[in-house]
Amino acid sequence: MITGTDWFDRFFNGEIFPEGEKYHKIGPWVSGGIDSALCLFILAMYISKLKLYNFTIQPIHGYNTGDRVLKPSYQNANEIIDYIRNLYPDVVIKDSFTFAYKLEKGDMKIKYHIPNALYAREVGLIDQYVGAYTLNPPKDQMIAHDIYDDRDKRRDDLKYSNTFLTRPFAALDKKWIRDQYIKYNLEDMLPLTASCISNNQTQGPCKTCWWCKEKYWAFERY
C-alpha cells in the first residue's frame, strides 16, 4: 500500500493514475482536525512546488448538526483553508463544499461522508477524493492510555485505495502526523484545528473523549 508523502509523490507524478488528466480536481476531506489539515497543506505544497497549476483543490466538509460544541467544525475547516491559501496563494483552493447531517447514535460517519463525496463528483466539483483517515495507535499504547475500547476498531481496516477514494495516511498513526507538523513548521496551524467531539465542551476540549486522548498521545496537548 502506498502511504504518506510517497503517495503524493506518485500521485502528482502520474504513477498512481496514469490517465492523469481525469484527476486534476482534487477533493480532500477537511474536517477541521489535525490530520486533514496536514493533508490539505501537503496537496497545496506539492501543487505549488511542482507548478502543477492545472490541479485545483475543492475541500469537502460535513458536520453533525447533533453536536453541541462551542465552535462548529466548519469554522475550523474554513480557518484552515484560509491559512493554507495564505501560504500558497498561487494554488487554487476553492471554498469548502459543506453539507450538514444528523449522526444518530451508533451510526458511522462514513455513511454520510462517502455519498456526499460521490455527489460532489457527479456534479463535477471533484474527480479525486482524498481522505486523511489515520491508523489507530498501537494496541499496547492504546491500552496504556486507556483508549483501546473507546474507538471502533474498523479504523484499522480502512486502508483501501482505488481510482476515486484514497487514504494516503491510512497506514500511519498520529505520531507520524506530529512529525510532519514539526518537519514543515506548522505550529501556527495547530490552534486552528480541533480534535475534540464531545457534546459538553464548555471551556475547550473535554480531555476525556477518544480524539482528545489520541491527540494527547501524539502531541502531548489537547
N, C-alpha and C. Protein backbone atom coordinates (compact mmCIF):
# COMPACT_ATOMS: atom_id res chain seq x y z
N MET A 1 0.83 -1.20 0.00
CA MET A 1 0.00 0.00 0.00
C MET A 1 0.87 1.26 0.00
N ILE A 2 0.53 2.22 -0.83
CA ILE A 2 1.28 3.47 -0.93
C ILE A 2 0.72 4.45 0.09
N THR A 3 1.56 4.95 0.99
CA THR A 3 1.08 5.85 2.03
C THR A 3 2.04 7.02 2.22
N GLY A 4 1.57 8.00 3.01
CA GLY A 4 2.41 9.13 3.39
C GLY A 4 2.80 9.99 2.20
N THR A 5 3.92 10.68 2.32
CA THR A 5 4.34 11.58 1.25
C THR A 5 4.67 10.82 -0.03
N ASP A 6 4.96 9.52 0.08
CA ASP A 6 5.19 8.71 -1.12
C ASP A 6 3.95 8.69 -2.00
N TRP A 7 2.77 8.68 -1.37
CA TRP A 7 1.53 8.70 -2.14
C TRP A 7 1.45 10.00 -2.95
N PHE A 8 1.75 11.12 -2.32
CA PHE A 8 1.66 12.41 -3.00
C PHE A 8 2.69 12.48 -4.13
N ASP A 9 3.92 11.98 -3.88
CA ASP A 9 4.93 11.94 -4.94
C ASP A 9 4.40 11.21 -6.16
N ARG A 10 3.87 10.04 -5.94
CA ARG A 10 3.45 9.19 -7.04
C ARG A 10 2.15 9.66 -7.68
N PHE A 11 1.28 10.28 -6.88
CA PHE A 11 0.05 10.82 -7.45
C PHE A 11 0.36 11.96 -8.42
N PHE A 12 1.16 12.93 -7.99
CA PHE A 12 1.44 14.08 -8.83
C PHE A 12 2.41 13.77 -9.97
N ASN A 13 3.13 12.67 -9.85
CA ASN A 13 3.97 12.22 -10.97
C ASN A 13 3.20 11.38 -11.97
N GLY A 14 1.93 11.13 -11.69
CA GLY A 14 1.11 10.36 -12.62
C GLY A 14 1.32 8.86 -12.54
N GLU A 15 1.99 8.39 -11.49
CA GLU A 15 2.27 6.95 -11.40
C GLU A 15 1.06 6.17 -10.88
N ILE A 16 0.27 6.77 -9.99
CA ILE A 16 -0.86 6.05 -9.43
C ILE A 16 -1.99 5.95 -10.45
N PHE A 17 -2.29 7.07 -11.10
CA PHE A 17 -3.34 7.09 -12.12
C PHE A 17 -2.72 7.62 -13.41
N PRO A 18 -2.20 6.74 -14.26
CA PRO A 18 -1.51 7.17 -15.47
C PRO A 18 -2.35 8.03 -16.40
N GLU A 19 -3.70 7.86 -16.33
CA GLU A 19 -4.55 8.66 -17.21
C GLU A 19 -4.76 10.05 -16.67
N GLY A 20 -3.89 10.46 -15.75
CA GLY A 20 -3.80 11.75 -15.09
C GLY A 20 -4.82 12.84 -15.35
N GLU A 21 -5.12 13.16 -16.61
CA GLU A 21 -5.99 14.29 -16.92
C GLU A 21 -7.35 14.16 -16.23
N LYS A 22 -7.74 12.95 -15.88
CA LYS A 22 -9.04 12.75 -15.26
C LYS A 22 -9.04 13.11 -13.78
N TYR A 23 -7.88 13.39 -13.21
CA TYR A 23 -7.80 13.51 -11.76
C TYR A 23 -7.21 14.84 -11.31
N HIS A 24 -7.57 15.92 -11.96
CA HIS A 24 -6.98 17.21 -11.63
C HIS A 24 -7.83 18.03 -10.67
N LYS A 25 -9.05 17.61 -10.41
CA LYS A 25 -9.89 18.30 -9.43
C LYS A 25 -9.91 17.45 -8.16
N ILE A 26 -9.08 17.85 -7.21
CA ILE A 26 -8.87 17.04 -6.01
C ILE A 26 -9.83 17.49 -4.91
N GLY A 27 -10.48 16.52 -4.28
CA GLY A 27 -11.43 16.81 -3.21
C GLY A 27 -11.00 16.26 -1.88
N PRO A 28 -10.13 16.95 -1.16
CA PRO A 28 -9.73 16.45 0.16
C PRO A 28 -10.82 16.69 1.20
N TRP A 29 -10.99 15.71 2.09
CA TRP A 29 -11.89 15.90 3.22
C TRP A 29 -11.19 16.79 4.24
N VAL A 30 -11.76 17.94 4.55
CA VAL A 30 -11.19 18.86 5.53
C VAL A 30 -12.16 18.94 6.70
N SER A 31 -11.88 18.17 7.73
CA SER A 31 -12.80 18.04 8.86
C SER A 31 -12.68 19.17 9.87
N GLY A 32 -11.54 19.85 9.85
CA GLY A 32 -11.22 20.81 10.91
C GLY A 32 -10.22 20.23 11.89
N GLY A 33 -9.86 18.95 11.67
CA GLY A 33 -8.92 18.29 12.56
C GLY A 33 -7.48 18.35 12.06
N ILE A 34 -6.59 17.78 12.85
CA ILE A 34 -5.16 17.85 12.58
C ILE A 34 -4.76 17.08 11.32
N ASP A 35 -5.33 15.89 11.14
CA ASP A 35 -4.92 15.04 10.02
C ASP A 35 -5.29 15.65 8.68
N SER A 36 -6.55 16.06 8.55
CA SER A 36 -7.00 16.59 7.26
C SER A 36 -6.37 17.94 6.95
N ALA A 37 -6.05 18.72 7.99
CA ALA A 37 -5.35 19.99 7.77
C ALA A 37 -3.98 19.73 7.15
N LEU A 38 -3.28 18.71 7.66
CA LEU A 38 -1.98 18.35 7.09
C LEU A 38 -2.13 17.87 5.66
N CYS A 39 -3.14 17.08 5.39
CA CYS A 39 -3.36 16.58 4.03
C CYS A 39 -3.57 17.74 3.06
N LEU A 40 -4.40 18.71 3.43
CA LEU A 40 -4.63 19.87 2.58
C LEU A 40 -3.33 20.64 2.37
N PHE A 41 -2.56 20.82 3.42
CA PHE A 41 -1.28 21.52 3.31
C PHE A 41 -0.36 20.82 2.32
N ILE A 42 -0.23 19.50 2.43
CA ILE A 42 0.69 18.77 1.54
C ILE A 42 0.22 18.85 0.09
N LEU A 43 -1.07 18.74 -0.14
CA LEU A 43 -1.59 18.86 -1.50
C LEU A 43 -1.22 20.22 -2.10
N ALA A 44 -1.46 21.30 -1.35
CA ALA A 44 -1.14 22.64 -1.83
C ALA A 44 0.37 22.81 -2.03
N MET A 45 1.15 22.27 -1.10
CA MET A 45 2.61 22.37 -1.20
C MET A 45 3.12 21.72 -2.48
N TYR A 46 2.62 20.54 -2.79
CA TYR A 46 3.06 19.84 -4.00
C TYR A 46 2.66 20.59 -5.26
N ILE A 47 1.43 21.06 -5.31
CA ILE A 47 0.97 21.79 -6.50
C ILE A 47 1.83 23.02 -6.72
N SER A 48 2.15 23.74 -5.63
CA SER A 48 2.97 24.94 -5.75
C SER A 48 4.41 24.60 -6.13
N LYS A 49 4.98 23.63 -5.45
CA LYS A 49 6.37 23.27 -5.69
C LYS A 49 6.60 22.77 -7.11
N LEU A 50 5.66 21.97 -7.60
CA LEU A 50 5.80 21.39 -8.94
C LEU A 50 5.16 22.25 -10.02
N LYS A 51 4.54 23.37 -9.59
CA LYS A 51 3.88 24.30 -10.52
C LYS A 51 2.84 23.58 -11.38
N LEU A 52 2.06 22.74 -10.73
CA LEU A 52 1.02 21.98 -11.43
C LEU A 52 -0.30 22.75 -11.34
N TYR A 53 -0.36 23.88 -12.03
CA TYR A 53 -1.48 24.77 -11.86
C TYR A 53 -2.74 24.33 -12.60
N ASN A 54 -2.65 23.19 -13.29
CA ASN A 54 -3.86 22.60 -13.85
C ASN A 54 -4.63 21.82 -12.79
N PHE A 55 -4.04 21.63 -11.60
CA PHE A 55 -4.72 20.99 -10.49
C PHE A 55 -5.44 22.06 -9.65
N THR A 56 -6.64 21.73 -9.22
CA THR A 56 -7.37 22.59 -8.29
C THR A 56 -7.80 21.75 -7.08
N ILE A 57 -8.01 22.42 -5.97
CA ILE A 57 -8.41 21.75 -4.74
C ILE A 57 -9.80 22.22 -4.34
N GLN A 58 -10.70 21.26 -4.16
CA GLN A 58 -12.05 21.54 -3.70
C GLN A 58 -12.27 20.86 -2.34
N PRO A 59 -12.04 21.57 -1.24
CA PRO A 59 -12.25 20.95 0.07
C PRO A 59 -13.71 20.52 0.26
N ILE A 60 -13.88 19.43 0.99
CA ILE A 60 -15.21 18.93 1.33
C ILE A 60 -15.31 18.85 2.85
N HIS A 61 -16.46 19.24 3.37
CA HIS A 61 -16.64 19.20 4.82
C HIS A 61 -18.08 18.82 5.15
N GLY A 62 -18.25 17.92 6.13
CA GLY A 62 -19.57 17.59 6.63
C GLY A 62 -19.59 17.77 8.13
N TYR A 63 -20.65 18.32 8.66
CA TYR A 63 -20.71 18.50 10.12
C TYR A 63 -22.02 17.94 10.66
N ASN A 64 -21.92 17.42 11.85
CA ASN A 64 -23.04 16.78 12.52
C ASN A 64 -23.88 17.84 13.24
N THR A 65 -25.10 18.02 12.80
CA THR A 65 -25.94 19.05 13.42
C THR A 65 -26.35 18.67 14.84
N GLY A 66 -26.10 17.41 15.22
CA GLY A 66 -26.40 16.99 16.59
C GLY A 66 -25.34 17.38 17.59
N ASP A 67 -24.14 17.76 17.11
CA ASP A 67 -23.07 18.17 18.01
C ASP A 67 -23.41 19.51 18.66
N ARG A 68 -23.15 19.61 19.94
CA ARG A 68 -23.35 20.88 20.66
C ARG A 68 -21.98 21.34 21.16
N VAL A 69 -21.21 21.87 20.27
CA VAL A 69 -19.85 22.27 20.60
C VAL A 69 -19.75 23.79 20.58
N LEU A 70 -18.70 24.30 21.20
CA LEU A 70 -18.53 25.75 21.27
C LEU A 70 -18.33 26.36 19.89
N LYS A 71 -17.65 25.62 19.03
CA LYS A 71 -17.32 26.14 17.71
C LYS A 71 -17.62 25.07 16.68
N PRO A 72 -18.55 25.31 15.76
CA PRO A 72 -18.86 24.30 14.75
C PRO A 72 -17.63 23.94 13.93
N SER A 73 -17.53 22.67 13.55
CA SER A 73 -16.33 22.19 12.87
C SER A 73 -16.07 22.90 11.55
N TYR A 74 -17.14 23.36 10.87
CA TYR A 74 -16.91 24.02 9.59
C TYR A 74 -16.16 25.34 9.76
N GLN A 75 -16.26 25.95 10.94
CA GLN A 75 -15.47 27.16 11.17
C GLN A 75 -13.98 26.83 11.24
N ASN A 76 -13.65 25.74 11.94
CA ASN A 76 -12.24 25.30 11.96
C ASN A 76 -11.77 25.00 10.55
N ALA A 77 -12.60 24.29 9.78
CA ALA A 77 -12.21 23.92 8.42
C ALA A 77 -11.94 25.16 7.57
N ASN A 78 -12.81 26.15 7.66
CA ASN A 78 -12.64 27.36 6.86
C ASN A 78 -11.40 28.15 7.28
N GLU A 79 -11.09 28.17 8.57
CA GLU A 79 -9.89 28.87 9.04
C GLU A 79 -8.62 28.16 8.53
N ILE A 80 -8.66 26.84 8.51
CA ILE A 80 -7.52 26.08 7.99
C ILE A 80 -7.35 26.34 6.49
N ILE A 81 -8.45 26.35 5.77
CA ILE A 81 -8.39 26.64 4.33
C ILE A 81 -7.78 28.01 4.08
N ASP A 82 -8.22 29.00 4.82
CA ASP A 82 -7.68 30.36 4.65
C ASP A 82 -6.19 30.41 5.00
N TYR A 83 -5.81 29.70 6.05
CA TYR A 83 -4.40 29.66 6.45
C TYR A 83 -3.53 29.11 5.32
N ILE A 84 -3.96 28.03 4.71
CA ILE A 84 -3.15 27.40 3.66
C ILE A 84 -3.22 28.21 2.37
N ARG A 85 -4.33 28.88 2.13
CA ARG A 85 -4.39 29.80 0.99
C ARG A 85 -3.33 30.90 1.12
N ASN A 86 -3.16 31.39 2.33
CA ASN A 86 -2.15 32.44 2.55
C ASN A 86 -0.73 31.91 2.35
N LEU A 87 -0.51 30.64 2.71
CA LEU A 87 0.80 30.04 2.49
C LEU A 87 1.09 29.83 1.01
N TYR A 88 0.05 29.46 0.25
CA TYR A 88 0.22 29.13 -1.16
C TYR A 88 -0.82 29.87 -2.00
N PRO A 89 -0.63 31.19 -2.15
CA PRO A 89 -1.60 31.98 -2.92
C PRO A 89 -1.64 31.63 -4.40
N ASP A 90 -0.63 30.91 -4.88
CA ASP A 90 -0.60 30.51 -6.29
C ASP A 90 -1.45 29.28 -6.57
N VAL A 91 -1.95 28.63 -5.53
CA VAL A 91 -2.73 27.40 -5.70
C VAL A 91 -4.21 27.72 -5.56
N VAL A 92 -5.01 27.16 -6.46
CA VAL A 92 -6.46 27.37 -6.41
C VAL A 92 -7.06 26.42 -5.37
N ILE A 93 -7.47 27.00 -4.23
CA ILE A 93 -8.18 26.25 -3.20
C ILE A 93 -9.56 26.88 -3.09
N LYS A 94 -10.57 26.16 -3.51
CA LYS A 94 -11.91 26.71 -3.57
C LYS A 94 -12.56 26.72 -2.18
N ASP A 95 -13.66 27.46 -2.08
CA ASP A 95 -14.42 27.44 -0.83
C ASP A 95 -14.93 26.04 -0.58
N SER A 96 -15.05 25.69 0.68
CA SER A 96 -15.44 24.34 1.05
C SER A 96 -16.84 23.99 0.55
N PHE A 97 -16.98 22.78 0.04
CA PHE A 97 -18.29 22.20 -0.26
C PHE A 97 -18.76 21.57 1.05
N THR A 98 -19.67 22.25 1.73
CA THR A 98 -20.06 21.87 3.09
C THR A 98 -21.49 21.35 3.11
N PHE A 99 -21.70 20.25 3.81
CA PHE A 99 -23.04 19.72 3.97
C PHE A 99 -23.26 19.37 5.44
N ALA A 100 -24.51 19.33 5.83
CA ALA A 100 -24.88 19.02 7.20
C ALA A 100 -25.61 17.68 7.24
N TYR A 101 -25.43 16.96 8.34
CA TYR A 101 -26.15 15.71 8.54
C TYR A 101 -26.44 15.56 10.02
N LYS A 102 -27.29 14.63 10.35
CA LYS A 102 -27.59 14.32 11.75
C LYS A 102 -27.10 12.90 12.00
N LEU A 103 -26.04 12.77 12.77
CA LEU A 103 -25.46 11.47 13.06
C LEU A 103 -26.19 10.86 14.25
N GLU A 104 -26.91 9.79 13.99
CA GLU A 104 -27.61 9.11 15.06
C GLU A 104 -26.65 8.24 15.85
N LYS A 105 -26.94 8.00 17.09
CA LYS A 105 -26.07 7.21 17.95
C LYS A 105 -25.83 5.84 17.32
N GLY A 106 -24.56 5.49 17.20
CA GLY A 106 -24.20 4.19 16.66
C GLY A 106 -23.98 4.17 15.17
N ASP A 107 -24.39 5.24 14.46
CA ASP A 107 -24.17 5.28 13.01
C ASP A 107 -22.74 5.68 12.70
N MET A 108 -22.24 5.18 11.57
CA MET A 108 -20.89 5.52 11.15
C MET A 108 -20.91 6.73 10.24
N LYS A 109 -19.98 7.63 10.46
CA LYS A 109 -19.91 8.84 9.63
C LYS A 109 -19.70 8.50 8.17
N ILE A 110 -19.02 7.38 7.91
CA ILE A 110 -18.72 7.04 6.53
C ILE A 110 -20.00 6.94 5.70
N LYS A 111 -21.12 6.59 6.35
CA LYS A 111 -22.39 6.51 5.64
C LYS A 111 -22.81 7.88 5.12
N TYR A 112 -22.34 8.93 5.75
CA TYR A 112 -22.71 10.29 5.36
C TYR A 112 -21.64 10.93 4.49
N HIS A 113 -20.39 10.65 4.77
CA HIS A 113 -19.30 11.29 4.07
C HIS A 113 -19.16 10.81 2.63
N ILE A 114 -19.08 9.51 2.43
CA ILE A 114 -18.81 8.98 1.10
C ILE A 114 -19.91 9.34 0.10
N PRO A 115 -21.19 9.20 0.42
CA PRO A 115 -22.22 9.59 -0.55
C PRO A 115 -22.10 11.04 -0.99
N ASN A 116 -21.72 11.93 -0.09
CA ASN A 116 -21.58 13.34 -0.47
C ASN A 116 -20.34 13.58 -1.31
N ALA A 117 -19.28 12.80 -1.07
CA ALA A 117 -18.12 12.88 -1.95
C ALA A 117 -18.49 12.39 -3.34
N LEU A 118 -19.27 11.33 -3.42
CA LEU A 118 -19.72 10.82 -4.72
C LEU A 118 -20.62 11.84 -5.41
N TYR A 119 -21.45 12.52 -4.64
CA TYR A 119 -22.29 13.57 -5.22
C TYR A 119 -21.43 14.70 -5.77
N ALA A 120 -20.39 15.08 -5.03
CA ALA A 120 -19.50 16.15 -5.50
C ALA A 120 -18.87 15.77 -6.83
N ARG A 121 -18.58 14.49 -7.01
CA ARG A 121 -18.05 14.04 -8.30
C ARG A 121 -19.13 14.10 -9.38
N GLU A 122 -20.33 13.68 -9.05
CA GLU A 122 -21.41 13.66 -10.03
C GLU A 122 -21.68 15.04 -10.60
N VAL A 123 -21.59 16.06 -9.77
CA VAL A 123 -21.89 17.42 -10.23
C VAL A 123 -20.64 18.14 -10.74
N GLY A 124 -19.52 17.42 -10.82
CA GLY A 124 -18.32 17.98 -11.44
C GLY A 124 -17.43 18.80 -10.55
N LEU A 125 -17.65 18.77 -9.24
CA LEU A 125 -16.79 19.55 -8.34
C LEU A 125 -15.42 18.90 -8.16
N ILE A 126 -15.40 17.58 -8.09
CA ILE A 126 -14.14 16.86 -7.88
C ILE A 126 -14.09 15.64 -8.78
N ASP A 127 -12.89 15.12 -8.99
CA ASP A 127 -12.75 13.82 -9.64
C ASP A 127 -11.82 12.90 -8.86
N GLN A 128 -11.30 13.39 -7.73
CA GLN A 128 -10.46 12.56 -6.87
C GLN A 128 -10.71 12.93 -5.42
N TYR A 129 -11.20 11.97 -4.64
CA TYR A 129 -11.46 12.20 -3.22
C TYR A 129 -10.25 11.73 -2.42
N VAL A 130 -9.80 12.56 -1.49
CA VAL A 130 -8.66 12.20 -0.64
C VAL A 130 -9.07 12.34 0.82
N GLY A 131 -9.11 11.22 1.53
CA GLY A 131 -9.44 11.22 2.94
C GLY A 131 -8.18 11.13 3.78
N ALA A 132 -8.18 11.78 4.93
CA ALA A 132 -6.98 11.82 5.77
C ALA A 132 -7.09 10.88 6.97
N TYR A 133 -7.91 9.88 6.87
CA TYR A 133 -8.07 8.90 7.94
C TYR A 133 -6.73 8.28 8.30
N THR A 134 -6.39 8.26 9.58
CA THR A 134 -5.12 7.68 10.02
C THR A 134 -5.33 6.36 10.77
N LEU A 135 -4.24 5.69 11.03
CA LEU A 135 -4.26 4.42 11.73
C LEU A 135 -4.42 4.64 13.24
N ASN A 136 -5.06 3.69 13.91
CA ASN A 136 -5.08 3.74 15.37
C ASN A 136 -3.67 3.69 15.94
N PRO A 137 -3.44 4.21 17.14
CA PRO A 137 -2.16 3.97 17.82
C PRO A 137 -1.97 2.46 18.02
N PRO A 138 -0.74 2.01 18.24
CA PRO A 138 -0.52 0.59 18.53
C PRO A 138 -1.36 0.14 19.72
N LYS A 139 -1.78 -1.11 19.68
CA LYS A 139 -2.68 -1.63 20.71
C LYS A 139 -2.13 -1.43 22.12
N ASP A 140 -0.83 -1.70 22.31
CA ASP A 140 -0.28 -1.57 23.66
C ASP A 140 -0.32 -0.12 24.13
N GLN A 141 -0.15 0.83 23.20
CA GLN A 141 -0.21 2.25 23.56
C GLN A 141 -1.64 2.68 23.88
N MET A 142 -2.60 2.13 23.14
CA MET A 142 -4.00 2.46 23.43
C MET A 142 -4.40 1.93 24.80
N ILE A 143 -3.94 0.73 25.13
CA ILE A 143 -4.24 0.18 26.46
C ILE A 143 -3.61 1.04 27.54
N ALA A 144 -2.35 1.44 27.32
CA ALA A 144 -1.63 2.25 28.31
C ALA A 144 -2.29 3.60 28.52
N HIS A 145 -2.93 4.13 27.47
CA HIS A 145 -3.56 5.44 27.58
C HIS A 145 -5.07 5.35 27.74
N ASP A 146 -5.54 4.16 28.06
CA ASP A 146 -6.95 3.95 28.38
C ASP A 146 -7.88 4.36 27.24
N ILE A 147 -7.51 4.01 26.02
CA ILE A 147 -8.37 4.35 24.88
C ILE A 147 -8.64 3.16 23.97
N TYR A 148 -8.22 1.97 24.37
CA TYR A 148 -8.31 0.85 23.43
C TYR A 148 -9.74 0.52 23.03
N ASP A 149 -10.66 0.44 23.97
CA ASP A 149 -12.02 0.05 23.64
C ASP A 149 -12.97 1.23 23.46
N ASP A 150 -12.42 2.41 23.37
CA ASP A 150 -13.25 3.60 23.21
C ASP A 150 -13.46 3.99 21.75
N ARG A 151 -12.89 3.23 20.84
CA ARG A 151 -12.98 3.60 19.43
C ARG A 151 -13.24 2.36 18.59
N ASP A 152 -14.15 2.48 17.65
CA ASP A 152 -14.47 1.37 16.76
C ASP A 152 -13.21 0.92 16.03
N LYS A 153 -12.87 -0.36 16.13
CA LYS A 153 -11.63 -0.85 15.55
C LYS A 153 -11.67 -0.91 14.02
N ARG A 154 -12.81 -0.57 13.42
CA ARG A 154 -12.88 -0.55 11.96
C ARG A 154 -11.84 0.40 11.37
N ARG A 155 -11.39 1.36 12.17
CA ARG A 155 -10.43 2.34 11.66
C ARG A 155 -9.18 1.65 11.09
N ASP A 156 -8.78 0.54 11.70
CA ASP A 156 -7.60 -0.18 11.21
C ASP A 156 -7.85 -0.90 9.90
N ASP A 157 -9.10 -1.03 9.52
CA ASP A 157 -9.43 -1.77 8.29
C ASP A 157 -9.65 -0.86 7.09
N LEU A 158 -9.63 0.46 7.30
CA LEU A 158 -9.93 1.38 6.20
C LEU A 158 -8.67 1.76 5.44
N LYS A 159 -8.05 0.76 4.86
CA LYS A 159 -6.80 1.01 4.14
C LYS A 159 -6.98 0.93 2.63
N TYR A 160 -8.22 0.94 2.16
CA TYR A 160 -8.42 0.76 0.74
C TYR A 160 -8.02 2.01 -0.04
N SER A 161 -7.70 1.79 -1.29
CA SER A 161 -7.37 2.91 -2.18
C SER A 161 -7.76 2.49 -3.59
N ASN A 162 -8.58 3.30 -4.24
CA ASN A 162 -8.93 2.99 -5.62
C ASN A 162 -8.88 4.26 -6.44
N THR A 163 -9.47 4.23 -7.60
CA THR A 163 -9.32 5.37 -8.50
C THR A 163 -10.18 6.57 -8.11
N PHE A 164 -10.95 6.48 -7.04
CA PHE A 164 -11.68 7.65 -6.58
C PHE A 164 -11.46 7.90 -5.09
N LEU A 165 -11.59 6.87 -4.28
CA LEU A 165 -11.47 7.03 -2.83
C LEU A 165 -10.07 6.62 -2.39
N THR A 166 -9.29 7.56 -1.90
CA THR A 166 -7.93 7.27 -1.49
C THR A 166 -7.68 7.79 -0.08
N ARG A 167 -6.82 7.10 0.65
CA ARG A 167 -6.49 7.46 2.04
C ARG A 167 -4.98 7.35 2.23
N PRO A 168 -4.23 8.39 1.88
CA PRO A 168 -2.77 8.30 1.93
C PRO A 168 -2.18 8.13 3.32
N PHE A 169 -2.97 8.42 4.39
CA PHE A 169 -2.44 8.29 5.75
C PHE A 169 -2.96 7.04 6.45
N ALA A 170 -3.62 6.14 5.72
CA ALA A 170 -4.35 5.05 6.36
C ALA A 170 -3.48 4.07 7.12
N ALA A 171 -2.21 3.97 6.78
CA ALA A 171 -1.31 3.05 7.49
C ALA A 171 -0.34 3.78 8.40
N LEU A 172 -0.66 5.05 8.73
CA LEU A 172 0.22 5.88 9.55
C LEU A 172 -0.59 6.43 10.73
N ASP A 173 0.03 6.48 11.90
CA ASP A 173 -0.72 6.94 13.06
C ASP A 173 -0.43 8.41 13.37
N LYS A 174 -1.02 8.89 14.45
CA LYS A 174 -0.96 10.32 14.78
C LYS A 174 0.45 10.80 15.10
N LYS A 175 1.33 9.93 15.54
CA LYS A 175 2.70 10.38 15.80
C LYS A 175 3.43 10.68 14.50
N TRP A 176 3.09 9.99 13.42
CA TRP A 176 3.64 10.37 12.11
C TRP A 176 3.12 11.75 11.72
N ILE A 177 1.83 11.99 11.98
CA ILE A 177 1.25 13.31 11.69
C ILE A 177 2.00 14.38 12.48
N ARG A 178 2.25 14.12 13.76
CA ARG A 178 3.00 15.06 14.61
C ARG A 178 4.36 15.38 13.99
N ASP A 179 5.04 14.34 13.51
CA ASP A 179 6.38 14.54 12.93
C ASP A 179 6.33 15.43 11.70
N GLN A 180 5.24 15.35 10.95
CA GLN A 180 5.12 16.21 9.76
C GLN A 180 4.87 17.67 10.16
N TYR A 181 4.12 17.88 11.23
CA TYR A 181 3.91 19.25 11.71
C TYR A 181 5.25 19.86 12.13
N ILE A 182 6.11 19.06 12.72
CA ILE A 182 7.44 19.53 13.09
C ILE A 182 8.30 19.77 11.85
N LYS A 183 8.28 18.81 10.95
CA LYS A 183 9.09 18.90 9.73
C LYS A 183 8.78 20.14 8.91
N TYR A 184 7.48 20.45 8.77
CA TYR A 184 7.05 21.56 7.92
C TYR A 184 6.78 22.84 8.71
N ASN A 185 7.12 22.85 10.01
CA ASN A 185 6.99 24.04 10.83
C ASN A 185 5.56 24.59 10.81
N LEU A 186 4.62 23.72 11.16
CA LEU A 186 3.20 24.07 11.11
C LEU A 186 2.61 24.35 12.49
N GLU A 187 3.45 24.78 13.40
CA GLU A 187 2.99 25.05 14.77
C GLU A 187 1.85 26.07 14.77
N ASP A 188 1.89 27.06 13.87
CA ASP A 188 0.86 28.09 13.85
C ASP A 188 -0.49 27.55 13.38
N MET A 189 -0.49 26.43 12.68
CA MET A 189 -1.75 25.88 12.19
C MET A 189 -2.47 25.06 13.25
N LEU A 190 -1.71 24.54 14.22
CA LEU A 190 -2.30 23.67 15.24
C LEU A 190 -3.49 24.31 15.99
N PRO A 191 -3.39 25.56 16.42
CA PRO A 191 -4.52 26.14 17.16
C PRO A 191 -5.79 26.29 16.33
N LEU A 192 -5.67 26.23 15.02
CA LEU A 192 -6.85 26.33 14.15
C LEU A 192 -7.62 25.02 14.09
N THR A 193 -6.97 23.93 14.47
CA THR A 193 -7.59 22.62 14.37
C THR A 193 -8.34 22.27 15.66
N ALA A 194 -9.25 21.32 15.55
CA ALA A 194 -10.00 20.85 16.71
C ALA A 194 -10.18 19.34 16.59
N SER A 195 -9.82 18.62 17.64
CA SER A 195 -9.97 17.17 17.65
C SER A 195 -11.16 16.71 18.49
N CYS A 196 -11.45 17.43 19.55
CA CYS A 196 -12.49 17.02 20.50
C CYS A 196 -13.87 17.02 19.83
N ILE A 197 -14.64 15.97 20.08
CA ILE A 197 -16.00 15.92 19.54
C ILE A 197 -17.04 15.76 20.65
N SER A 198 -16.65 16.04 21.87
CA SER A 198 -17.59 15.93 22.98
C SER A 198 -18.73 16.94 22.83
N ASN A 199 -19.90 16.54 23.27
CA ASN A 199 -21.04 17.46 23.26
C ASN A 199 -21.04 18.38 24.47
N ASN A 200 -20.04 18.26 25.31
CA ASN A 200 -20.02 19.04 26.55
C ASN A 200 -18.78 19.92 26.66
N GLN A 201 -18.42 20.55 25.56
CA GLN A 201 -17.28 21.46 25.58
C GLN A 201 -17.73 22.82 26.11
N THR A 202 -17.51 23.07 27.35
CA THR A 202 -17.88 24.36 27.92
C THR A 202 -16.68 25.30 28.03
N GLN A 203 -15.50 24.71 28.18
CA GLN A 203 -14.29 25.53 28.29
C GLN A 203 -13.16 24.88 27.49
N GLY A 204 -13.43 24.58 26.24
CA GLY A 204 -12.41 23.96 25.40
C GLY A 204 -12.53 22.45 25.36
N PRO A 205 -11.48 21.76 24.91
CA PRO A 205 -11.52 20.30 24.76
C PRO A 205 -11.89 19.60 26.07
N CYS A 206 -12.64 18.51 25.93
CA CYS A 206 -13.11 17.80 27.13
C CYS A 206 -12.00 17.01 27.82
N LYS A 207 -10.97 16.63 27.06
CA LYS A 207 -9.81 15.88 27.55
C LYS A 207 -10.13 14.44 27.94
N THR A 208 -11.33 13.99 27.64
CA THR A 208 -11.71 12.62 28.00
C THR A 208 -12.19 11.79 26.82
N CYS A 209 -12.60 12.40 25.71
CA CYS A 209 -13.08 11.62 24.57
C CYS A 209 -11.90 10.95 23.87
N TRP A 210 -12.21 10.00 23.01
CA TRP A 210 -11.17 9.24 22.32
C TRP A 210 -10.22 10.16 21.56
N TRP A 211 -10.79 11.14 20.86
CA TRP A 211 -9.98 12.01 20.00
C TRP A 211 -9.05 12.89 20.82
N CYS A 212 -9.52 13.37 21.95
CA CYS A 212 -8.66 14.15 22.85
C CYS A 212 -7.49 13.30 23.33
N LYS A 213 -7.79 12.07 23.74
CA LYS A 213 -6.74 11.18 24.25
C LYS A 213 -5.73 10.82 23.17
N GLU A 214 -6.22 10.57 21.94
CA GLU A 214 -5.30 10.23 20.86
C GLU A 214 -4.39 11.43 20.54
N LYS A 215 -4.97 12.62 20.51
CA LYS A 215 -4.17 13.81 20.23
C LYS A 215 -3.10 14.00 21.32
N TYR A 216 -3.49 13.79 22.57
CA TYR A 216 -2.53 13.95 23.65
C TYR A 216 -1.42 12.90 23.55
N TRP A 217 -1.79 11.68 23.18
CA TRP A 217 -0.80 10.60 23.00
C TRP A 217 0.28 11.02 22.02
N ALA A 218 -0.08 11.69 20.95
CA ALA A 218 0.89 12.07 19.92
C ALA A 218 1.52 13.44 20.16
N PHE A 219 0.72 14.43 20.55
CA PHE A 219 1.18 15.81 20.61
C PHE A 219 1.46 16.31 22.03
N GLU A 220 1.00 15.55 23.03
CA GLU A 220 1.10 15.97 24.43
C GLU A 220 0.43 17.32 24.65
N ARG A 221 -0.68 17.47 24.01
CA ARG A 221 -1.53 18.65 24.19
C ARG A 221 -2.94 18.28 23.73
N TYR A 222 -3.91 19.01 24.21
CA TYR A 222 -5.30 18.78 23.81
C TYR A 222 -5.72 19.82 22.78
